[in-house]
């Protein structure tokens, strides 16, 4: 299947894919910070692993639809994880 045969993504699919990509980049950045400083190292490693398996599994069941409710719930789960990590870091400082 070539790139020309693929249908274009809907705007909602692009937004959810962008949100997932940004969350993944934040998780990888936090992993680098955690490995450098030793702060919340197990959380950072687990969060990246959870994102990899979670997003891949959600996309598999959603058949590649980024706007599927299962994929959306996976994104929101990681937003909550990001908020919890920020809360823990804010309380520690």
Protein backbone atom coordinates (compact mmCIF):
# COMPACT_ATOMS: atom_id res chain seq x y z
CA UNK A 1 0.00 0.00 0.00
CA UNK A 2 1.54 3.29 -1.04
CA UNK A 3 1.10 6.70 0.53
CA UNK A 4 -1.28 7.75 -2.25
CA UNK A 5 -3.73 4.97 -1.37
CA UNK A 6 -4.09 6.06 2.26
CA UNK A 7 -7.08 8.26 3.13
CA UNK A 8 -6.33 11.67 4.63
CA UNK A 9 -6.74 12.11 8.38
CA UNK A 10 -9.72 14.03 9.68
CA UNK A 11 -9.01 17.16 11.75
CA UNK A 12 -10.12 15.39 14.96
CA UNK A 13 -7.74 12.53 14.24
CA UNK A 14 -4.87 14.98 13.72
CA UNK A 15 -5.61 16.72 17.03
CA UNK A 16 -5.66 13.49 19.05
CA UNK A 17 -2.53 12.20 17.32
CA UNK A 18 -0.76 15.49 18.08
CA UNK A 19 -1.86 15.31 21.72
CA UNK A 20 -0.50 11.77 22.01
CA UNK A 21 2.78 12.73 20.35
CA UNK A 22 3.24 15.74 22.64
CA UNK A 23 2.54 13.63 25.72
CA UNK A 24 5.06 11.05 24.55
CA UNK A 25 7.70 13.74 24.02
CA UNK A 26 7.03 15.12 27.51
CA UNK A 27 7.39 11.61 28.93
CA UNK A 28 10.69 11.05 27.13
CA UNK A 29 11.95 14.44 28.30
CA UNK A 30 10.93 13.64 31.86
CA UNK A 31 12.67 10.27 31.53
CA UNK A 32 15.89 12.06 30.59
CA UNK A 33 15.47 14.41 33.56
CA UNK A 34 14.75 11.51 35.91
CA UNK A 35 17.74 9.48 34.73
CA UNK A 36 19.99 12.51 35.11
CA UNK A 37 18.82 13.54 38.59
CA UNK A 38 17.42 10.29 40.00
CA UNK A 39 14.11 11.97 40.88
CA UNK A 40 11.07 9.74 40.25
CA UNK A 41 13.12 7.36 38.11
CA UNK A 42 10.73 4.34 38.40
CA UNK A 43 7.74 6.53 37.54
CA UNK A 44 9.47 7.96 34.47
CA UNK A 45 10.50 4.55 33.16
CA UNK A 46 7.07 3.08 33.80
CA UNK A 47 5.29 6.03 32.24
CA UNK A 48 7.18 5.73 28.94
CA UNK A 49 6.59 1.96 28.88
CA UNK A 50 2.91 2.44 29.68
CA UNK A 51 2.58 4.94 26.84
CA UNK A 52 4.24 2.68 24.32
CA UNK A 53 2.11 -0.34 25.15
CA UNK A 54 -1.03 1.71 25.75
CA UNK A 55 -0.96 3.71 22.52
CA UNK A 56 -0.02 0.71 20.39
CA UNK A 57 -2.73 -1.43 21.97
CA UNK A 58 -5.36 1.29 21.69
CA UNK A 59 -4.52 1.88 18.03
CA UNK A 60 -4.66 -1.84 17.35
CA UNK A 61 -8.16 -2.17 18.80
CA UNK A 62 -9.27 1.12 17.22
CA UNK A 63 -8.00 -0.08 13.82
CA UNK A 64 -5.78 2.97 13.39
CA UNK A 65 -8.45 5.57 14.20
CA UNK A 66 -6.91 8.31 16.34
CA UNK A 67 -10.37 9.74 17.13
CA UNK A 68 -11.67 6.43 18.55
CA UNK A 69 -12.92 6.68 22.16
CA UNK A 70 -10.42 4.06 23.30
CA UNK A 71 -7.50 6.09 21.97
CA UNK A 72 -8.97 9.28 23.45
CA UNK A 73 -9.23 7.63 26.86
CA UNK A 74 -5.60 6.53 26.58
CA UNK A 75 -4.55 10.13 25.89
CA UNK A 76 -6.60 11.40 28.83
CA UNK A 77 -5.06 8.74 31.08
CA UNK A 78 -1.62 10.13 30.29
CA UNK A 79 -2.81 13.71 30.83
CA UNK A 80 -3.82 12.63 34.33
CA UNK A 81 -0.41 10.97 34.83
CA UNK A 82 1.28 14.21 33.74
CA UNK A 83 -0.84 16.24 36.17
CA UNK A 84 -0.03 13.83 39.01
CA UNK A 85 3.69 14.04 38.23
CA UNK A 86 3.54 17.83 38.22
CA UNK A 87 1.64 17.78 41.52
CA UNK A 88 4.20 15.51 43.17
CA UNK A 89 7.08 17.66 41.93
CA UNK A 90 5.34 20.85 43.08
CA UNK A 91 4.77 19.38 46.57
CA UNK A 92 8.39 18.29 46.78
CA UNK A 93 9.73 21.75 46.01
